[in-house]
Amino acid sequence: MSAIARRVTYFLRTDSVSAPWQSQQWRGIRVRIFNGNLEQALTVMQRKMQSSGIERMIKRERTHHLKNSEKRVLTQKLLQHKIQSQELARKLKTILIKKVRGL
């Protein structure tokens, strides 16, 4: 839970170098802590993060260096996925055209 809190604070930090006349978009999650119950506040924050998609964005973030061989494998898998989806789209298109023409 503390790792999530650290990453959230990283995303919520404001840039102190920016000029005051520049308007920046501020995105974040605000959670109120009632009666000093920090565990409940963290639970609420995690629920809000899941519903807003911030948690997926944090998980997708790469935290380590990718070797060139790993990059090659990933790009090859991505290319195969694209080719398969294009072939499927072509097949579906021909099926729909035949259906519309009544063949």
PDB file of N, CA and C in Angstrom:
ATOM      1  N   MET A   1       0.825  -1.187   0.000  1.00  0.00           N
ATOM      2  CA  MET A   1       0.000   0.000   0.000  1.00  0.00           C
ATOM      3  C   MET A   1       0.867   1.247   0.000  1.00  0.00           C
ATOM      4  N   SER A   2       2.016   1.195   0.672  1.00  0.00           N
ATOM      5  CA  SER A   2       2.868   2.381   0.722  1.00  0.00           C
ATOM      6  C   SER A   2       3.502   2.664  -0.633  1.00  0.00           C
ATOM      7  N   ALA A   3       3.734   1.621  -1.432  1.00  0.00           N
ATOM      8  CA  ALA A   3       4.290   1.836  -2.771  1.00  0.00           C
ATOM      9  C   ALA A   3       3.301   2.598  -3.637  1.00  0.00           C
ATOM     10  N   ILE A   4       2.036   2.267  -3.501  1.00  0.00           N
ATOM     11  CA  ILE A   4       0.999   2.985  -4.251  1.00  0.00           C
ATOM     12  C   ILE A   4       0.942   4.429  -3.797  1.00  0.00           C
ATOM     13  N   ALA A   5       1.022   4.649  -2.493  1.00  0.00           N
ATOM     14  CA  ALA A   5       0.979   6.018  -1.973  1.00  0.00           C
ATOM     15  C   ALA A   5       2.167   6.828  -2.471  1.00  0.00           C
ATOM     16  N   ARG A   6       3.356   6.204  -2.535  1.00  0.00           N
ATOM     17  CA  ARG A   6       4.537   6.914  -3.036  1.00  0.00           C
ATOM     18  C   ARG A   6       4.361   7.305  -4.495  1.00  0.00           C
ATOM     19  N   ARG A   7       3.841   6.385  -5.282  1.00  0.00           N
ATOM     20  CA  ARG A   7       3.656   6.681  -6.704  1.00  0.00           C
ATOM     21  C   ARG A   7       2.603   7.759  -6.911  1.00  0.00           C
ATOM     22  N   VAL A   8       1.556   7.735  -6.092  1.00  0.00           N
ATOM     23  CA  VAL A   8       0.517   8.761  -6.219  1.00  0.00           C
ATOM     24  C   VAL A   8       1.088  10.126  -5.885  1.00  0.00           C
ATOM     25  N   THR A   9       1.906  10.199  -4.837  1.00  0.00           N
ATOM     26  CA  THR A   9       2.494  11.493  -4.500  1.00  0.00           C
ATOM     27  C   THR A   9       3.425  11.962  -5.605  1.00  0.00           C
ATOM     28  N   TYR A  10       4.058  11.035  -6.313  1.00  0.00           N
ATOM     29  CA  TYR A  10       4.903  11.409  -7.451  1.00  0.00           C
ATOM     30  C   TYR A  10       4.058  12.065  -8.544  1.00  0.00           C
ATOM     31  N   PHE A  11       2.874  11.496  -8.810  1.00  0.00           N
ATOM     32  CA  PHE A  11       2.013  12.052  -9.850  1.00  0.00           C
ATOM     33  C   PHE A  11       1.369  13.362  -9.419  1.00  0.00           C
ATOM     34  N   LEU A  12       1.173  13.544  -8.130  1.00  0.00           N
ATOM     35  CA  LEU A  12       0.454  14.726  -7.665  1.00  0.00           C
ATOM     36  C   LEU A  12       1.356  15.917  -7.389  1.00  0.00           C
ATOM     37  N   ARG A  13       2.672  15.728  -7.440  1.00  0.00           N
ATOM     38  CA  ARG A  13       3.591  16.833  -7.189  1.00  0.00           C
ATOM     39  C   ARG A  13       3.427  17.919  -8.229  1.00  0.00           C
ATOM     40  N   THR A  14       3.524  19.160  -7.793  1.00  0.00           N
ATOM     41  CA  THR A  14       3.451  20.260  -8.749  1.00  0.00           C
ATOM     42  C   THR A  14       4.854  20.711  -9.085  1.00  0.00           C
ATOM     43  N   ASP A  15       4.999  21.292 -10.231  1.00  0.00           N
ATOM     44  CA  ASP A  15       6.298  21.750 -10.701  1.00  0.00           C
ATOM     45  C   ASP A  15       6.571  23.127 -10.117  1.00  0.00           C
ATOM     46  N   SER A  16       7.607  23.252  -9.297  1.00  0.00           N
ATOM     47  CA  SER A  16       7.903  24.527  -8.649  1.00  0.00           C
ATOM     48  C   SER A  16       8.649  25.473  -9.570  1.00  0.00           C
ATOM     49  N   VAL A  17       9.140  24.971 -10.700  1.00  0.00           N
ATOM     50  CA  VAL A  17       9.913  25.795 -11.615  1.00  0.00           C
ATOM     51  C   VAL A  17       9.003  26.615 -12.524  1.00  0.00           C
ATOM     52  N   SER A  18       7.764  26.173 -12.717  1.00  0.00           N
ATOM     53  CA  SER A  18       6.888  26.835 -13.681  1.00  0.00           C
ATOM     54  C   SER A  18       6.514  28.237 -13.214  1.00  0.00           C
ATOM     55  N   ALA A  19       6.271  29.080 -14.178  1.00  0.00           N
ATOM     56  CA  ALA A  19       5.910  30.464 -13.892  1.00  0.00           C
ATOM     57  C   ALA A  19       4.455  30.539 -13.448  1.00  0.00           C
ATOM     58  N   PRO A  20       4.118  31.514 -12.596  1.00  0.00           N
ATOM     59  CA  PRO A  20       2.748  31.597 -12.089  1.00  0.00           C
ATOM     60  C   PRO A  20       1.726  31.949 -13.167  1.00  0.00           C
ATOM     61  N   TRP A  21       2.155  32.575 -14.268  1.00  0.00           N
ATOM     62  CA  TRP A  21       1.185  32.946 -15.292  1.00  0.00           C
ATOM     63  C   TRP A  21       0.836  31.786 -16.208  1.00  0.00           C
ATOM     64  N   GLN A  22       1.605  30.707 -16.131  1.00  0.00           N
ATOM     65  CA  GLN A  22       1.286  29.536 -16.935  1.00  0.00           C
ATOM     66  C   GLN A  22       0.270  28.693 -16.185  1.00  0.00           C
ATOM     67  N   SER A  23      -0.822  28.404 -16.844  1.00  0.00           N
ATOM     68  CA  SER A  23      -1.826  27.576 -16.182  1.00  0.00           C
ATOM     69  C   SER A  23      -1.511  26.116 -16.448  1.00  0.00           C
ATOM     70  N   GLN A  24      -1.500  25.335 -15.400  1.00  0.00           N
ATOM     71  CA  GLN A  24      -1.225  23.913 -15.520  1.00  0.00           C
ATOM     72  C   GLN A  24      -2.449  23.145 -15.069  1.00  0.00           C
ATOM     73  N   GLN A  25      -2.667  22.020 -15.737  1.00  0.00           N
ATOM     74  CA  GLN A  25      -3.773  21.174 -15.349  1.00  0.00           C
ATOM     75  C   GLN A  25      -3.346  20.355 -14.135  1.00  0.00           C
ATOM     76  N   TRP A  26      -4.178  20.332 -13.117  1.00  0.00           N
ATOM     77  CA  TRP A  26      -3.874  19.590 -11.905  1.00  0.00           C
ATOM     78  C   TRP A  26      -4.841  18.439 -11.799  1.00  0.00           C
ATOM     79  N   ARG A  27      -4.302  17.248 -11.780  1.00  0.00           N
ATOM     80  CA  ARG A  27      -5.137  16.067 -11.642  1.00  0.00           C
ATOM     81  C   ARG A  27      -4.745  15.369 -10.360  1.00  0.00           C
ATOM     82  N   GLY A  28      -5.702  14.921  -9.633  1.00  0.00           N
ATOM     83  CA  GLY A  28      -5.367  14.214  -8.418  1.00  0.00           C
ATOM     84  C   GLY A  28      -6.602  13.678  -7.733  1.00  0.00           C
ATOM     85  N   ILE A  29      -6.380  12.993  -6.652  1.00  0.00           N
ATOM     86  CA  ILE A  29      -7.452  12.414  -5.865  1.00  0.00           C
ATOM     87  C   ILE A  29      -7.343  12.981  -4.464  1.00  0.00           C
ATOM     88  N   ARG A  30      -8.423  13.520  -3.989  1.00  0.00           N
ATOM     89  CA  ARG A  30      -8.449  14.038  -2.620  1.00  0.00           C
ATOM     90  C   ARG A  30      -9.254  13.085  -1.750  1.00  0.00           C
ATOM     91  N   VAL A  31      -8.693  12.782  -0.606  1.00  0.00           N
ATOM     92  CA  VAL A  31      -9.349  11.877   0.333  1.00  0.00           C
ATOM     93  C   VAL A  31      -9.320  12.528   1.701  1.00  0.00           C
ATOM     94  N   ARG A  32     -10.446  12.509   2.375  1.00  0.00           N
ATOM     95  CA  ARG A  32     -10.504  13.062   3.730  1.00  0.00           C
ATOM     96  C   ARG A  32     -10.234  11.955   4.746  1.00  0.00           C
ATOM     97  N   ILE A  33      -9.509  12.328   5.784  1.00  0.00           N
ATOM     98  CA  ILE A  33      -9.196  11.384   6.853  1.00  0.00           C
ATOM     99  C   ILE A  33     -10.060  11.755   8.049  1.00  0.00           C
ATOM    100  N   PHE A  34     -10.953  10.853   8.428  1.00  0.00           N
ATOM    101  CA  PHE A  34     -11.840  11.096   9.554  1.00  0.00           C
ATOM    102  C   PHE A  34     -11.305  10.391  10.798  1.00  0.00           C
ATOM    103  N   ASN A  35     -11.249  11.092  11.892  1.00  0.00           N
ATOM    104  CA  ASN A  35     -10.841  10.550  13.192  1.00  0.00           C
ATOM    105  C   ASN A  35      -9.460   9.904  13.145  1.00  0.00           C
ATOM    106  N   GLY A  36      -8.597  10.399  12.292  1.00  0.00           N
ATOM    107  CA  GLY A  36      -7.241   9.864  12.212  1.00  0.00           C
ATOM    108  C   GLY A  36      -7.165   8.450  11.670  1.00  0.00           C
ATOM    109  N   ASN A  37      -8.213   7.987  10.985  1.00  0.00           N
ATOM    110  CA  ASN A  37      -8.255   6.627  10.459  1.00  0.00           C
ATOM    111  C   ASN A  37      -7.596   6.598   9.083  1.00  0.00           C
ATOM    112  N   LEU A  38      -6.293   6.403   9.072  1.00  0.00           N
ATOM    113  CA  LEU A  38      -5.521   6.437   7.838  1.00  0.00           C
ATOM    114  C   LEU A  38      -5.774   5.212   6.965  1.00  0.00           C
ATOM    115  N   GLU A  39      -5.986   4.057   7.573  1.00  0.00           N
ATOM    116  CA  GLU A  39      -6.229   2.834   6.806  1.00  0.00           C
ATOM    117  C   GLU A  39      -7.499   2.960   5.968  1.00  0.00           C
ATOM    118  N   GLN A  40      -8.543   3.516   6.571  1.00  0.00           N
ATOM    119  CA  GLN A  40      -9.795   3.696   5.838  1.00  0.00           C
ATOM    120  C   GLN A  40      -9.603   4.690   4.689  1.00  0.00           C
ATOM    121  N   ALA A  41      -8.845   5.749   4.931  1.00  0.00           N
ATOM    122  CA  ALA A  41      -8.590   6.741   3.888  1.00  0.00           C
ATOM    123  C   ALA A  41      -7.793   6.132   2.738  1.00  0.00           C
ATOM    124  N   LEU A  42      -6.814   5.276   3.056  1.00  0.00           N
ATOM    125  CA  LEU A  42      -6.045   4.613   2.003  1.00  0.00           C
ATOM    126  C   LEU A  42      -6.913   3.655   1.190  1.00  0.00           C
ATOM    127  N   THR A  43      -7.850   2.987   1.855  1.00  0.00           N
ATOM    128  CA  THR A  43      -8.767   2.095   1.151  1.00  0.00           C
ATOM    129  C   THR A  43      -9.649   2.879   0.192  1.00  0.00           C
ATOM    130  N   VAL A  44     -10.159   4.013   0.660  1.00  0.00           N
ATOM    131  CA  VAL A  44     -10.997   4.863  -0.190  1.00  0.00           C
ATOM    132  C   VAL A  44     -10.181   5.390  -1.365  1.00  0.00           C
ATOM    133  N   MET A  45      -8.928   5.781  -1.088  1.00  0.00           N
ATOM    134  CA  MET A  45      -8.072   6.300  -2.148  1.00  0.00           C
ATOM    135  C   MET A  45      -7.806   5.225  -3.207  1.00  0.00           C
ATOM    136  N   GLN A  46      -7.570   4.004  -2.775  1.00  0.00           N
ATOM    137  CA  GLN A  46      -7.310   2.929  -3.726  1.00  0.00           C
ATOM    138  C   GLN A  46      -8.540   2.661  -4.587  1.00  0.00           C
ATOM    139  N   ARG A  47      -9.740   2.706  -3.986  1.00  0.00           N
ATOM    140  CA  ARG A  47     -10.966   2.528  -4.762  1.00  0.00           C
ATOM    141  C   ARG A  47     -11.124   3.628  -5.803  1.00  0.00           C
ATOM    142  N   LYS A  48     -10.835   4.868  -5.403  1.00  0.00           N
ATOM    143  CA  LYS A  48     -10.942   5.989  -6.338  1.00  0.00           C
ATOM    144  C   LYS A  48      -9.918   5.861  -7.456  1.00  0.00           C
ATOM    145  N   MET A  49      -8.713   5.394  -7.113  1.00  0.00           N
ATOM    146  CA  MET A  49      -7.680   5.220  -8.134  1.00  0.00           C
ATOM    147  C   MET A  49      -8.093   4.164  -9.147  1.00  0.00           C
ATOM    148  N   GLN A  50      -8.687   3.071  -8.670  1.00  0.00           N
ATOM    149  CA  GLN A  50      -9.114   2.016  -9.577  1.00  0.00           C
ATOM    150  C   GLN A  50     -10.212   2.507 -10.502  1.00  0.00           C
ATOM    151  N   SER A  51     -11.154   3.266  -9.951  1.00  0.00           N
ATOM    152  CA  SER A  51     -12.269   3.716 -10.783  1.00  0.00           C
ATOM    153  C   SER A  51     -11.846   4.785 -11.777  1.00  0.00           C
ATOM    154  N   SER A  52     -10.838   5.588 -11.446  1.00  0.00           N
ATOM    155  CA  SER A  52     -10.425   6.655 -12.361  1.00  0.00           C
ATOM    156  C   SER A  52      -9.381   6.196 -13.369  1.00  0.00           C
ATOM    157  N   GLY A  53      -8.769   5.039 -13.175  1.00  0.00           N
ATOM    158  CA  GLY A  53      -7.803   4.523 -14.135  1.00  0.00           C
ATOM    159  C   GLY A  53      -6.364   4.887 -13.820  1.00  0.00           C
ATOM    160  N   ILE A  54      -6.120   5.600 -12.741  1.00  0.00           N
ATOM    161  CA  ILE A  54      -4.749   5.980 -12.391  1.00  0.00           C
ATOM    162  C   ILE A  54      -3.928   4.746 -12.037  1.00  0.00           C
ATOM    163  N   GLU A  55      -4.567   3.778 -11.397  1.00  0.00           N
ATOM    164  CA  GLU A  55      -3.832   2.577 -10.992  1.00  0.00           C
ATOM    165  C   GLU A  55      -3.324   1.809 -12.212  1.00  0.00           C
ATOM    166  N   ARG A  56      -4.155   1.718 -13.273  1.00  0.00           N
ATOM    167  CA  ARG A  56      -3.700   1.059 -14.501  1.00  0.00           C
ATOM    168  C   ARG A  56      -2.533   1.811 -15.114  1.00  0.00           C
ATOM    169  N   MET A  57      -2.604   3.142 -15.065  1.00  0.00           N
ATOM    170  CA  MET A  57      -1.534   3.955 -15.625  1.00  0.00           C
ATOM    171  C   MET A  57      -0.231   3.716 -14.861  1.00  0.00           C
ATOM    172  N   ILE A  58      -0.303   3.586 -13.552  1.00  0.00           N
ATOM    173  CA  ILE A  58       0.887   3.344 -12.741  1.00  0.00           C
ATOM    174  C   ILE A  58       1.459   1.960 -13.044  1.00  0.00           C
ATOM    175  N   LYS A  59       0.590   0.954 -13.168  1.00  0.00           N
ATOM    176  CA  LYS A  59       1.070  -0.399 -13.433  1.00  0.00           C
ATOM    177  C   LYS A  59       1.707  -0.510 -14.810  1.00  0.00           C
ATOM    178  N   ARG A  60       1.185   0.254 -15.787  1.00  0.00           N
ATOM    179  CA  ARG A  60       1.719   0.203 -17.143  1.00  0.00           C
ATOM    180  C   ARG A  60       3.078   0.867 -17.257  1.00  0.00           C
ATOM    181  N   GLU A  61       3.376   1.745 -16.312  1.00  0.00           N
ATOM    182  CA  GLU A  61       4.632   2.497 -16.361  1.00  0.00           C
ATOM    183  C   GLU A  61       5.817   1.541 -16.235  1.00  0.00           C
ATOM    184  N   ARG A  62       6.779   1.698 -17.108  1.00  0.00           N
ATOM    185  CA  ARG A  62       7.965   0.838 -17.070  1.00  0.00           C
ATOM    186  C   ARG A  62       8.907   1.342 -15.983  1.00  0.00           C
ATOM    187  N   THR A  63       9.333   0.419 -15.122  1.00  0.00           N
ATOM    188  CA  THR A  63      10.217   0.806 -14.029  1.00  0.00           C
ATOM    189  C   THR A  63      11.636   0.301 -14.236  1.00  0.00           C
ATOM    190  N   HIS A  64      11.846  -0.501 -15.260  1.00  0.00           N
ATOM    191  CA  HIS A  64      13.188  -1.030 -15.486  1.00  0.00           C
ATOM    192  C   HIS A  64      13.547  -0.887 -16.965  1.00  0.00           C
ATOM    193  N   HIS A  65      14.814  -1.005 -17.235  1.00  0.00           N
ATOM    194  CA  HIS A  65      15.317  -0.872 -18.603  1.00  0.00           C
ATOM    195  C   HIS A  65      15.015  -2.132 -19.400  1.00  0.00           C
ATOM    196  N   LEU A  66      14.570  -1.951 -20.637  1.00  0.00           N
ATOM    197  CA  LEU A  66      14.338  -3.093 -21.513  1.00  0.00           C
ATOM    198  C   LEU A  66      15.560  -3.325 -22.392  1.00  0.00           C
ATOM    199  N   LYS A  67      16.009  -4.562 -22.414  1.00  0.00           N
ATOM    200  CA  LYS A  67      17.120  -4.897 -23.299  1.00  0.00           C
ATOM    201  C   LYS A  67      16.627  -4.881 -24.738  1.00  0.00           C
ATOM    202  N   ASN A  68      17.564  -4.746 -25.671  1.00  0.00           N
ATOM    203  CA  ASN A  68      17.190  -4.712 -27.081  1.00  0.00           C
ATOM    204  C   ASN A  68      16.512  -6.005 -27.518  1.00  0.00           C
ATOM    205  N   SER A  69      16.960  -7.128 -26.975  1.00  0.00           N
ATOM    206  CA  SER A  69      16.343  -8.405 -27.343  1.00  0.00           C
ATOM    207  C   SER A  69      14.888  -8.456 -26.859  1.00  0.00           C
ATOM    208  N   GLU A  70      14.628  -7.917 -25.668  1.00  0.00           N
ATOM    209  CA  GLU A  70      13.256  -7.871 -25.164  1.00  0.00           C
ATOM    210  C   GLU A  70      12.398  -6.955 -26.027  1.00  0.00           C
ATOM    211  N   LYS A  71      12.981  -5.828 -26.455  1.00  0.00           N
ATOM    212  CA  LYS A  71      12.250  -4.912 -27.328  1.00  0.00           C
ATOM    213  C   LYS A  71      11.889  -5.593 -28.643  1.00  0.00           C
ATOM    214  N   ARG A  72      12.835  -6.358 -29.197  1.00  0.00           N
ATOM    215  CA  ARG A  72      12.574  -7.064 -30.454  1.00  0.00           C
ATOM    216  C   ARG A  72      11.430  -8.051 -30.294  1.00  0.00           C
ATOM    217  N   VAL A  73      11.446  -8.796 -29.188  1.00  0.00           N
ATOM    218  CA  VAL A  73      10.393  -9.780 -28.944  1.00  0.00           C
ATOM    219  C   VAL A  73       9.046  -9.080 -28.807  1.00  0.00           C
ATOM    220  N   LEU A  74       9.015  -7.981 -28.060  1.00  0.00           N
ATOM    221  CA  LEU A  74       7.759  -7.258 -27.870  1.00  0.00           C
ATOM    222  C   LEU A  74       7.239  -6.676 -29.177  1.00  0.00           C
ATOM    223  N   THR A  75       8.126  -6.106 -29.986  1.00  0.00           N
ATOM    224  CA  THR A  75       7.673  -5.543 -31.259  1.00  0.00           C
ATOM    225  C   THR A  75       7.203  -6.637 -32.209  1.00  0.00           C
ATOM    226  N   GLN A  76       7.855  -7.796 -32.177  1.00  0.00           N
ATOM    227  CA  GLN A  76       7.426  -8.908 -33.025  1.00  0.00           C
ATOM    228  C   GLN A  76       6.042  -9.403 -32.604  1.00  0.00           C
ATOM    229  N   LYS A  77       5.806  -9.510 -31.298  1.00  0.00           N
ATOM    230  CA  LYS A  77       4.491  -9.922 -30.816  1.00  0.00           C
ATOM    231  C   LYS A  77       3.426  -8.904 -31.206  1.00  0.00           C
ATOM    232  N   LEU A  78       3.767  -7.627 -31.092  1.00  0.00           N
ATOM    233  CA  LEU A  78       2.828  -6.571 -31.461  1.00  0.00           C
ATOM    234  C   LEU A  78       2.506  -6.627 -32.952  1.00  0.00           C
ATOM    235  N   LEU A  79       3.515  -6.860 -33.775  1.00  0.00           N
ATOM    236  CA  LEU A  79       3.311  -6.967 -35.219  1.00  0.00           C
ATOM    237  C   LEU A  79       2.420  -8.161 -35.554  1.00  0.00           C
ATOM    238  N   GLN A  80       2.671  -9.309 -34.914  1.00  0.00           N
ATOM    239  CA  GLN A  80       1.835 -10.483 -35.150  1.00  0.00           C
ATOM    240  C   GLN A  80       0.391 -10.214 -34.753  1.00  0.00           C
ATOM    241  N   HIS A  81       0.205  -9.524 -33.639  1.00  0.00           N
ATOM    242  CA  HIS A  81      -1.144  -9.189 -33.181  1.00  0.00           C
ATOM    243  C   HIS A  81      -1.847  -8.278 -34.186  1.00  0.00           C
ATOM    244  N   LYS A  82      -1.123  -7.289 -34.710  1.00  0.00           N
ATOM    245  CA  LYS A  82      -1.709  -6.386 -35.706  1.00  0.00           C
ATOM    246  C   LYS A  82      -2.096  -7.137 -36.970  1.00  0.00           C
ATOM    247  N   ILE A  83      -1.215  -8.022 -37.441  1.00  0.00           N
ATOM    248  CA  ILE A  83      -1.491  -8.787 -38.661  1.00  0.00           C
ATOM    249  C   ILE A  83      -2.710  -9.682 -38.468  1.00  0.00           C
ATOM    250  N   GLN A  84      -2.797 -10.346 -37.319  1.00  0.00           N
ATOM    251  CA  GLN A  84      -3.938 -11.217 -37.053  1.00  0.00           C
ATOM    252  C   GLN A  84      -5.235 -10.427 -37.006  1.00  0.00           C
ATOM    253  N   SER A  85      -5.202  -9.252 -36.379  1.00  0.00           N
ATOM    254  CA  SER A  85      -6.424  -8.453 -36.301  1.00  0.00           C
ATOM    255  C   SER A  85      -6.815  -7.915 -37.674  1.00  0.00           C
ATOM    256  N   GLN A  86      -5.834  -7.569 -38.515  1.00  0.00           N
ATOM    257  CA  GLN A  86      -6.143  -7.124 -39.875  1.00  0.00           C
ATOM    258  C   GLN A  86      -6.749  -8.255 -40.698  1.00  0.00           C
ATOM    259  N   GLU A  87      -6.206  -9.467 -40.562  1.00  0.00           N
ATOM    260  CA  GLU A  87      -6.758 -10.618 -41.281  1.00  0.00           C
ATOM    261  C   GLU A  87      -8.185 -10.900 -40.833  1.00  0.00           C
ATOM    262  N   LEU A  88      -8.424 -10.825 -39.545  1.00  0.00           N
ATOM    263  CA  LEU A  88      -9.771 -11.041 -39.029  1.00  0.00           C
ATOM    264  C   LEU A  88     -10.725  -9.974 -39.557  1.00  0.00           C
ATOM    265  N   ALA A  89     -10.275  -8.724 -39.590  1.00  0.00           N
ATOM    266  CA  ALA A  89     -11.115  -7.646 -40.112  1.00  0.00           C
ATOM    267  C   ALA A  89     -11.432  -7.876 -41.585  1.00  0.00           C
ATOM    268  N   ARG A  90     -10.443  -8.324 -42.369  1.00  0.00           N
ATOM    269  CA  ARG A  90     -10.668  -8.618 -43.787  1.00  0.00           C
ATOM    270  C   ARG A  90     -11.703  -9.732 -43.960  1.00  0.00           C
ATOM    271  N   LYS A  91     -11.572 -10.794 -43.162  1.00  0.00           N
ATOM    272  CA  LYS A  91     -12.520 -11.907 -43.251  1.00  0.00           C
ATOM    273  C   LYS A  91     -13.930 -11.459 -42.891  1.00  0.00           C
ATOM    274  N   LEU A  92     -14.044 -10.679 -41.824  1.00  0.00           N
ATOM    275  CA  LEU A  92     -15.360 -10.190 -41.424  1.00  0.00           C
ATOM    276  C   LEU A  92     -15.961  -9.279 -42.491  1.00  0.00           C
ATOM    277  N   LYS A  93     -15.124  -8.481 -43.120  1.00  0.00           N
ATOM    278  CA  LYS A  93     -15.599  -7.579 -44.171  1.00  0.00           C
ATOM    279  C   LYS A  93     -16.153  -8.372 -45.346  1.00  0.00           C
ATOM    280  N   THR A  94     -15.428  -9.420 -45.761  1.00  0.00           N
ATOM    281  CA  THR A  94     -15.922 -10.229 -46.880  1.00  0.00           C
ATOM    282  C   THR A  94     -17.212 -10.948 -46.519  1.00  0.00           C
ATOM    283  N   ILE A  95     -17.321 -11.417 -45.287  1.00  0.00           N
ATOM    284  CA  ILE A  95     -18.549 -12.084 -44.845  1.00  0.00           C
ATOM    285  C   ILE A  95     -19.711 -11.106 -44.872  1.00  0.00           C
ATOM    286  N   LEU A  96     -19.498  -9.889 -44.376  1.00  0.00           N
ATOM    287  CA  LEU A  96     -20.569  -8.893 -44.369  1.00  0.00           C
ATOM    288  C   LEU A  96     -20.969  -8.489 -45.786  1.00  0.00           C
ATOM    289  N   ILE A  97     -19.996  -8.352 -46.676  1.00  0.00           N
ATOM    290  CA  ILE A  97     -20.306  -7.990 -48.063  1.00  0.00           C
ATOM    291  C   ILE A  97     -21.139  -9.088 -48.716  1.00  0.00           C
ATOM    292  N   LYS A  98     -20.762 -10.347 -48.494  1.00  0.00           N
ATOM    293  CA  LYS A  98     -21.533 -11.457 -49.054  1.00  0.00           C
ATOM    294  C   LYS A  98     -22.946 -11.485 -48.485  1.00  0.00           C
ATOM    295  N   LYS A  99     -23.060 -11.177 -47.208  1.00  0.00           N
ATOM    296  CA  LYS A  99     -24.363 -11.188 -46.559  1.00  0.00           C
ATOM    297  C   LYS A  99     -25.250 -10.082 -47.119  1.00  0.00           C
ATOM    298  N   VAL A 100     -24.670  -8.903 -47.331  1.00  0.00           N
ATOM    299  CA  VAL A 100     -25.435  -7.773 -47.855  1.00  0.00           C
ATOM    300  C   VAL A 100     -25.867  -8.041 -49.294  1.00  0.00           C
ATOM    301  N   ARG A 101     -24.990  -8.615 -50.083  1.00  0.00           N
ATOM    302  CA  ARG A 101     -25.304  -8.903 -51.491  1.00  0.00           C
ATOM    303  C   ARG A 101     -26.268 -10.081 -51.639  1.00  0.00           C
ATOM    304  N   GLY A 102     -26.384 -10.870 -50.583  1.00  0.00           N
ATOM    305  CA  GLY A 102     -27.300 -12.006 -50.625  1.00  0.00           C
ATOM    306  C   GLY A 102     -26.748 -13.214 -51.336  1.00  0.00           C
ATOM    307  N   LEU A 103     -25.460 -13.412 -51.266  1.00  0.00           N
ATOM    308  CA  LEU A 103     -24.845 -14.566 -51.934  1.00  0.00           C
ATOM    309  C   LEU A 103     -24.817 -15.773 -51.050  1.00  0.00           C
TER     310      LEU A 103
END
